[in-house]
Amino acid sequence: MRCISVLYPMQDNEDFDFEFYKRRHVPLIRDILGRSLHKIEVRKGHSSHGGGAPTYVAVISIWIADWEAYEQAMAARTQELLDEVPLFTKVMPIMQIDEVFCEGTP
């Protein structure tokens, strides 16, 4: 399994529209990714470890169960996702793809 982390920096991004993201962008992600999507998590930045402002206003984790299906879906519809970004933020995200090699709960 792989996990895509999408990190929206806090700096110059105070107006991130979480309601738009939840109402419109998450359903679009689900529609595009279809069966390749295992789960999606959207988190609001709360604070840094020391109690100051968070580094990221939003952190999104997109868990991919079927990487081949993901690649096919994104090849066909990436532009739809990119076109929506300016509708909820002024700052492009930082993205990272990770291989999940261990997971669990306490």
Protein backbone atom coordinates (compact mmCIF):
# COMPACT_ATOMS: atom_id res chain seq x y z
CA MET A 1 0.00 0.00 0.00
CA ARG A 2 1.13 3.57 -0.62
CA CYS A 3 0.11 6.80 1.03
CA ILE A 4 0.20 10.20 -0.63
CA SER A 5 0.74 13.08 1.78
CA VAL A 6 -0.53 16.44 0.57
CA LEU A 7 0.78 19.28 2.75
CA TYR A 8 -0.62 22.80 2.47
CA PRO A 9 1.77 25.29 4.16
CA MET A 10 0.31 27.68 6.72
CA GLN A 11 2.34 30.65 5.48
CA ASP A 12 0.24 32.90 3.21
CA ASN A 13 -2.61 30.39 3.44
CA GLU A 14 -4.86 31.62 6.25
CA ASP A 15 -7.94 31.51 4.00
CA PHE A 16 -7.80 27.79 3.17
CA ASP A 17 -11.44 26.82 2.54
CA PHE A 18 -11.95 23.58 4.49
CA GLU A 19 -15.68 23.53 3.80
CA PHE A 20 -15.08 23.62 0.02
CA TYR A 21 -12.42 20.95 0.36
CA LYS A 22 -14.75 18.66 2.32
CA ARG A 23 -17.87 19.35 0.26
CA ARG A 24 -16.41 19.35 -3.25
CA HIS A 25 -12.74 18.36 -3.48
CA VAL A 26 -12.86 15.16 -1.38
CA PRO A 27 -15.81 13.78 -3.39
CA LEU A 28 -13.91 14.59 -6.59
CA ILE A 29 -10.86 12.72 -5.30
CA ARG A 30 -13.07 9.74 -4.42
CA ASP A 31 -14.74 9.82 -7.83
CA ILE A 32 -11.45 10.01 -9.73
CA LEU A 33 -9.61 7.38 -7.70
CA GLY A 34 -12.50 4.93 -7.45
CA ARG A 35 -11.41 1.43 -6.47
CA SER A 36 -7.76 2.45 -6.07
CA LEU A 37 -8.61 4.52 -2.98
CA HIS A 38 -8.37 2.78 0.39
CA LYS A 39 -9.15 5.87 2.51
CA ILE A 40 -8.61 9.59 2.73
CA GLU A 41 -7.90 11.67 5.83
CA VAL A 42 -8.14 15.46 5.96
CA ARG A 43 -6.60 17.14 9.00
CA LYS A 44 -6.59 20.79 10.06
CA GLY A 45 -3.33 22.10 11.45
CA HIS A 46 -3.76 22.79 15.16
CA SER A 47 -0.37 23.82 16.52
CA SER A 48 3.30 23.03 16.36
CA HIS A 49 4.83 20.75 18.95
CA GLY A 50 5.86 23.76 21.04
CA GLY A 51 2.38 25.28 20.94
CA GLY A 52 3.02 27.84 18.20
CA ALA A 53 1.33 28.09 14.84
CA PRO A 54 1.24 24.87 12.81
CA THR A 55 3.61 24.44 9.88
CA TYR A 56 0.74 23.24 7.69
CA VAL A 57 -2.83 24.55 7.56
CA ALA A 58 -3.99 21.20 6.17
CA VAL A 59 -2.50 17.73 5.84
CA ILE A 60 -4.25 15.21 3.64
CA SER A 61 -3.36 11.52 3.59
CA ILE A 62 -4.61 9.56 0.60
CA TRP A 63 -4.17 5.83 1.13
CA ILE A 64 -3.88 3.93 -2.16
CA ALA A 65 -4.77 0.22 -2.20
CA ASP A 66 -4.18 -0.37 -5.93
CA TRP A 67 -1.28 1.67 -7.30
CA GLU A 68 -1.78 0.59 -10.93
CA ALA A 69 -5.45 1.66 -10.83
CA TYR A 70 -4.37 4.94 -9.19
CA GLU A 71 -1.89 5.68 -11.97
CA GLN A 72 -4.51 4.97 -14.65
CA ALA A 73 -7.08 7.20 -12.94
CA MET A 74 -4.64 10.05 -12.47
CA ALA A 75 -3.35 9.81 -16.04
CA ALA A 76 -6.87 10.43 -17.26
CA ARG A 77 -8.07 13.08 -14.76
CA THR A 78 -5.19 14.87 -12.99
CA GLN A 79 -6.09 18.23 -14.52
CA GLU A 80 -9.52 18.20 -12.85
CA LEU A 81 -7.85 18.10 -9.44
CA LEU A 82 -5.34 20.79 -10.31
CA ASP A 83 -8.02 23.10 -11.69
CA GLU A 84 -9.81 23.11 -8.31
CA VAL A 85 -6.80 24.05 -6.17
CA PRO A 86 -7.21 27.84 -6.63
CA LEU A 87 -10.84 27.51 -5.50
CA PHE A 88 -9.83 26.58 -1.92
CA THR A 89 -6.26 27.85 -1.45
CA LYS A 90 -3.70 30.35 -2.72
CA VAL A 91 -0.74 28.04 -2.12
CA MET A 92 0.15 24.89 -4.04
CA PRO A 93 0.80 21.89 -1.78
CA ILE A 94 3.92 19.92 -1.12
CA MET A 95 3.36 16.27 -2.01
CA GLN A 96 5.12 13.07 -1.04
CA ILE A 97 4.41 9.44 -1.89
CA ASP A 98 5.32 6.85 0.72
CA GLU A 99 5.26 3.08 0.83
CA VAL A 100 3.42 1.91 3.92
CA PHE A 101 5.50 -0.84 5.47
CA CYS A 102 4.00 -0.93 8.97
CA GLU A 103 0.65 0.15 10.38
CA GLY A 104 -1.47 -0.67 13.34
CA THR A 105 -3.30 0.55 16.37
CA PRO A 106 -2.26 0.45 20.03
